[in-house]
Each structure stands twice: as structure tokens, then as C-alpha cells.
Protein backbone atom coordinates (compact mmCIF):
# COMPACT_ATOMS: atom_id res chain seq x y z
CA MET A 1 -95.38 -46.81 -118.06
CA ASP A 2 -93.17 -47.74 -114.96
CA ARG A 3 -90.74 -45.27 -115.93
CA LEU A 4 -93.77 -42.54 -115.89
CA ARG A 5 -95.26 -44.09 -112.61
CA ASP A 6 -91.88 -43.39 -110.96
CA LEU A 7 -91.24 -39.89 -112.43
CA LEU A 8 -94.60 -38.54 -111.31
CA THR A 9 -94.52 -40.41 -107.89
CA THR A 10 -91.32 -39.15 -107.16
CA ALA A 11 -92.11 -35.54 -107.94
CA ALA A 12 -95.27 -35.30 -106.09
CA THR A 13 -93.90 -37.18 -103.31
CA ASP A 14 -91.13 -34.40 -103.12
CA VAL A 15 -93.91 -31.60 -102.73
CA GLY A 16 -96.18 -33.43 -100.59
CA TRP A 17 -98.94 -34.11 -103.03
CA ASP A 18 -100.64 -37.70 -104.08
CA ILE A 19 -101.41 -38.69 -107.40
CA ASP A 20 -104.27 -41.35 -108.33
CA LEU A 21 -102.14 -43.02 -111.38
CA ASP A 22 -105.11 -45.43 -112.36
CA GLN A 23 -107.08 -42.37 -113.05
CA LEU A 24 -104.44 -40.49 -114.96
CA PRO A 25 -104.95 -42.01 -118.43
CA VAL A 26 -108.62 -40.97 -118.27
CA THR A 27 -107.46 -37.76 -117.16
CA CYS A 28 -104.99 -37.38 -120.38
CA ALA A 29 -107.95 -38.21 -122.43
CA GLN A 30 -109.87 -35.14 -120.86
CA ALA A 31 -107.07 -32.77 -120.22
CA PRO A 32 -104.07 -33.92 -122.65
CA ASP A 33 -102.25 -30.55 -121.82
CA GLY A 34 -102.33 -30.42 -117.89
CA VAL A 35 -100.88 -34.08 -117.95
CA LEU A 36 -98.16 -33.34 -120.10
CA ASN A 37 -97.38 -30.09 -118.22
CA LEU A 38 -97.20 -32.43 -115.23
CA ILE A 39 -94.74 -34.81 -116.79
CA ASP A 40 -92.82 -31.71 -117.99
CA ALA A 41 -92.68 -29.98 -114.63
CA SER A 42 -92.14 -33.22 -112.70
CA ALA A 43 -88.82 -33.82 -115.01
CA ALA A 44 -87.78 -30.22 -114.63
CA HIS A 45 -88.34 -30.39 -110.33
CA LEU A 46 -86.26 -33.76 -110.26
CA ALA A 47 -83.65 -32.76 -112.31
CA ALA A 48 -83.00 -29.66 -110.42
CA THR A 49 -83.19 -31.53 -106.93
CA ALA A 50 -80.50 -33.92 -108.11
CA SER A 51 -78.41 -31.30 -109.07
CA MET A 52 -79.06 -29.86 -105.65
CA SER A 53 -77.87 -33.15 -104.13
CA ILE A 54 -74.64 -33.66 -106.17
CA LEU A 55 -73.39 -30.13 -105.34
CA ASP A 56 -74.27 -30.86 -101.86
CA GLN A 57 -71.86 -34.09 -102.21
CA ALA A 58 -69.25 -31.70 -103.52
CA ALA A 59 -69.31 -29.24 -100.60
CA ALA A 60 -69.13 -32.15 -98.54
CA SER A 61 -65.94 -34.02 -100.00
CA LEU A 62 -64.31 -30.24 -100.12
CA ARG A 63 -65.42 -30.11 -96.30
CA ALA A 64 -63.74 -33.57 -95.42
CA VAL A 65 -60.33 -32.31 -97.08
CA LEU A 66 -60.43 -28.81 -95.15
CA ASP A 67 -61.29 -30.96 -91.88
CA GLY A 68 -59.05 -33.60 -92.62
CA THR A 69 -55.82 -31.90 -92.35
CA ALA A 70 -53.80 -29.64 -90.27
CA SER A 71 -52.20 -27.88 -92.96
CA ALA A 72 -53.42 -24.02 -93.51
CA ASP A 73 -52.44 -24.01 -97.66
CA HIS A 74 -56.11 -24.64 -98.62
CA ASP A 75 -56.75 -21.99 -100.60
CA TRP A 76 -57.71 -23.74 -103.89
CA GLU A 77 -60.06 -26.02 -101.84
CA ILE A 78 -61.90 -22.78 -100.01
CA ARG A 79 -62.10 -20.99 -103.82
CA LEU A 80 -63.72 -24.28 -104.93
CA LEU A 81 -65.95 -24.29 -101.94
CA ALA A 82 -67.15 -20.62 -102.52
CA THR A 83 -67.77 -21.41 -106.22
CA VAL A 84 -69.99 -24.36 -105.15
CA LEU A 85 -71.72 -22.68 -102.47
CA HIS A 86 -72.46 -19.67 -104.69
CA MET A 87 -73.79 -22.42 -107.47
CA THR A 88 -75.71 -24.16 -104.76
CA GLU A 89 -77.83 -20.71 -103.85
CA THR A 90 -78.22 -20.07 -107.51
CA LEU A 91 -79.72 -23.49 -108.45
CA HIS A 92 -81.64 -23.00 -104.99
CA ARG A 93 -83.85 -20.27 -106.55
CA GLN A 94 -84.36 -22.41 -109.50
CA THR A 95 -85.46 -25.52 -107.75
CA GLU A 96 -88.21 -23.09 -105.88
CA ARG A 97 -89.17 -22.00 -109.33
CA THR A 98 -89.58 -25.47 -110.31
CA ARG A 99 -91.44 -26.75 -107.32
CA ARG A 100 -93.79 -23.97 -107.72
CA ARG A 101 -94.49 -24.72 -111.14
CA LEU A 102 -95.08 -28.51 -110.32
CA ILE A 103 -97.54 -27.60 -107.30
CA THR A 104 -99.38 -25.60 -110.13
CA ALA A 105 -99.52 -28.30 -112.67
CA LEU A 106 -100.66 -30.79 -109.64
CA HIS A 107 -102.99 -28.11 -108.82
CA ALA A 108 -104.50 -27.91 -112.05
CA LEU A 109 -105.45 -31.61 -112.19
CA GLN A 110 -107.23 -31.79 -108.89
CA VAL A 111 -110.26 -31.00 -110.30
CA HIS A 112 -110.57 -33.97 -112.44
CA GLY A 113 -109.72 -35.75 -109.23
CA ALA A 114 -106.27 -36.94 -110.47
CA THR A 115 -104.10 -35.19 -107.28
CA TRP A 116 -104.72 -34.21 -103.80
CA PRO A 117 -103.01 -31.60 -102.09
CA PRO A 118 -100.81 -32.03 -98.78
CA PRO A 119 -103.05 -31.63 -95.15
CA THR A 120 -102.83 -28.32 -93.79
CA ALA A 121 -100.38 -27.50 -91.38
CA THR A 122 -99.79 -24.78 -88.87
CA THR A 123 -96.31 -23.21 -89.00
CA PRO A 124 -95.36 -20.88 -86.39
CA ALA A 125 -94.97 -17.37 -87.74
CA ASP A 126 -91.15 -16.88 -87.25
CA ALA A 127 -90.35 -20.45 -88.38
CA ASP A 128 -88.62 -18.94 -91.71
CA ARG A 129 -87.59 -15.85 -90.70
CA PRO A 130 -83.86 -15.23 -92.23
CA THR A 131 -81.26 -14.36 -89.87
CA ASP A 132 -79.78 -10.84 -90.17
CA LEU A 133 -76.39 -10.72 -92.16
CA ALA A 134 -74.76 -8.61 -89.33
CA THR A 135 -75.64 -11.29 -86.79
CA ALA A 136 -74.84 -14.02 -88.64
CA LEU A 137 -71.40 -12.48 -89.65
CA ALA A 138 -70.89 -11.72 -85.46
CA GLU A 139 -71.76 -15.48 -85.27
CA VAL A 140 -68.59 -16.30 -86.85
CA GLY A 141 -66.22 -13.78 -85.64
CA LEU A 142 -66.82 -10.83 -88.09
CA HIS A 143 -67.62 -7.31 -86.60
CA PRO A 144 -68.28 -3.96 -88.32
CA GLN A 145 -65.15 -1.81 -88.55
CA PRO A 146 -65.02 1.85 -87.82
CA ASP A 147 -66.83 4.24 -89.93
CA SER A 148 -65.02 4.48 -93.24
CA GLY A 149 -67.18 7.70 -94.26
CA ASP A 150 -68.91 5.68 -97.02
CA PRO A 151 -72.45 5.31 -95.87
CA THR A 152 -73.16 2.82 -99.19
CA ARG A 153 -71.06 -0.17 -97.84
CA THR A 154 -70.25 -1.57 -94.51
CA THR A 155 -66.93 -3.80 -93.85
CA TYR A 156 -66.83 -6.86 -91.34
CA GLN A 157 -63.57 -8.07 -90.45
CA ALA A 158 -61.57 -10.91 -88.28
CA ARG A 159 -58.00 -11.74 -87.78
CA ARG A 160 -56.98 -15.45 -87.06
CA HIS A 161 -53.59 -16.41 -86.92
CA GLU A 162 -51.66 -15.32 -89.95
CA ARG A 163 -55.02 -14.62 -91.98
CA THR A 164 -57.40 -11.77 -92.24
CA ILE A 165 -61.17 -11.97 -93.71
CA THR A 166 -63.00 -9.05 -94.55
CA VAL A 167 -66.80 -8.90 -95.79
CA THR A 168 -67.90 -5.72 -97.54
CA VAL A 169 -71.47 -5.22 -98.06
CA TYR A 170 -72.58 -2.76 -100.61
CA HIS A 171 -75.98 -1.57 -99.80
CA PRO A 172 -77.24 0.28 -103.02
CA ASP A 173 -76.33 -2.86 -104.81
CA GLY A 174 -79.26 -4.94 -102.98
CA ASN A 175 -76.44 -6.16 -100.29
CA THR A 176 -73.99 -7.46 -102.69
CA ALA A 177 -71.18 -9.11 -100.57
CA GLU A 178 -67.79 -9.66 -101.35
CA LEU A 179 -65.54 -12.02 -99.34
CA HIS A 180 -61.71 -11.23 -99.14
CA VAL A 181 -58.87 -13.57 -97.52
CA PHE A 182 -55.61 -11.86 -96.73
CA ASP A 183 -52.22 -13.18 -95.90
CA ARG A 184 -50.33 -11.92 -92.78
CA HIS A 185 -48.36 -9.52 -95.19
CA ALA A 186 -51.98 -8.06 -96.34
CA ALA A 187 -51.36 -9.63 -99.92
CA LEU A 188 -54.96 -10.78 -101.40
CA LEU A 189 -55.18 -14.65 -101.52
CA TRP A 190 -58.53 -14.77 -103.10
CA THR A 191 -61.78 -13.07 -103.23
CA ALA A 192 -65.47 -14.28 -103.76
CA THR A 193 -68.79 -12.27 -104.68
CA PHE A 194 -72.32 -13.07 -103.59
CA PRO A 195 -74.86 -11.43 -105.43
CA PRO A 196 -78.09 -10.04 -103.74
CA GLY A 197 -80.34 -12.34 -102.31
CA THR A 198 -77.47 -14.75 -101.02
CA PRO A 199 -78.53 -16.26 -97.63
CA PRO A 200 -76.31 -15.21 -94.74
CA ALA A 201 -75.97 -19.07 -93.89
CA VAL A 202 -74.18 -19.59 -97.75
CA LEU A 203 -71.69 -16.43 -97.04
CA THR A 204 -70.88 -17.56 -93.19
CA ALA A 205 -70.28 -20.81 -94.44
CA ALA A 206 -67.75 -19.74 -96.97
CA VAL A 207 -66.10 -17.56 -93.90
CA ARG A 208 -66.12 -20.40 -91.35
CA ASP A 209 -64.25 -22.76 -93.97
CA ALA A 210 -61.70 -19.93 -94.59
CA LEU A 211 -60.73 -19.45 -91.29
CA PRO A 212 -58.75 -21.59 -88.98
CA ALA A 213 -60.10 -23.33 -86.03
CA ASP A 214 -59.40 -21.20 -82.97
CA PRO A 215 -61.77 -18.27 -81.87
CA PRO A 216 -60.82 -15.34 -83.54
CA THR A 217 -59.22 -12.17 -82.40
CA PRO A 218 -60.59 -8.52 -82.58
CA ALA A 219 -59.65 -6.79 -85.80
CA SER A 220 -58.60 -3.04 -85.67
CA ASP A 221 -58.18 -1.29 -89.29
CA PRO A 222 -59.62 -2.82 -92.23
CA VAL A 223 -56.80 -4.13 -94.28
């Protein structure tokens, strides 16, 4: 019973709800399907948040390696970081689904007096407004290149020291973005693809980690 209490309390607290654990056995006698669904939803949500946590720690450890040495030969670590960031974004969407399922399960037991929702809070209308991708890329030094004649895509570019970064956004594919890193000879070092729905912050984090620390210089033509 202690494990069950810990599971339900931790999951409910994560989404701001309260559970009357003393009432839960009575509720289970009246609505067993609802209580079992709550247990399953709680376990799924905590598993997803635990996975998010370990991925965040993995990204932090890779950034520590990137920031800890002056060497520019970090392509392997940067590729790993891009993979971790991509997995984090995919898992973020899964965590949102488990969160909604958990809240639905908690709400279903509210009529039995076993759960309580969080107090209503007022949020500014623009608090969760996402940053525009073009603006986010400009903030890390990437700017749109001259019109290539293809209206279905836009390429952003920056050059820093001996490295060139390009991000190509394909509009018909839901703004799928491809990140390319080139050396001073225009040889491709590595590439990463970010699917539709990837927040600009995830893409710019990969760009920021791929570029050296000095301010970027404007780039002329795309590589």
C-alpha cells in the first residue's frame, strides 16, 4: 500500500491535483475501473517524466564536455547532443499525452470525492506563445539567404571561424528542418533532421552547440 500511495501522490502532485488516499479503497469498491485506470495512468506518466529527466541530464553532460575544452573537434558530441534533443522533443509530446490521460483519470474520480483539482490560476494570454522560428534562428546568428527560386523552402546560414551552419526549412512538409554543419572546405561534417512540430528552442540549442563561441559573421551565398 505504501508503494501505491507514493505512486499516486507523486503523480497527482506533478499535475497539481490532490488525492484522498483514505477514501480510495471505498472509491475502488464503487468504481474499480476508474481507480485501476488512475493507477495505470499514474505509472505511465511517472515513467515518461523519469525518461525526460534522464535525457535532460544526458544533454547537460554533453554540454559540459562541449564547454569544458577549447578544442573545436566536438562533432561526435554535437551529433550525440542533437540526437538527445530530438529524443527529448519526441518524449515531450508523449509526456503531454500521459499528462492529459492522468488528469482525465483524476477528474473521473472527482465525483466520488477521492480527488480535487488544482485552484484556478489566471495566465497571461501570451504566456505560452511560441517563439517564431525565423526570430529564434536570428537570435543565434542565422539569417535567411537570397531567394533560391524555390518558394517551398528557406535556408538560413551563419559562418563562424572555419565552420558553416545551414538550416533549411521545408514548408510543404510542415516546416521540417534540416541542420547541416560544414567545414572550411565546404565538406559536410554532419546533419540532423527535426520533424514538424519541433519547438524552435530545440533547433536553436543544437545550432548553438555546433557553433564556436565568438559572434557569427554574416554569410553570403549558401554552401
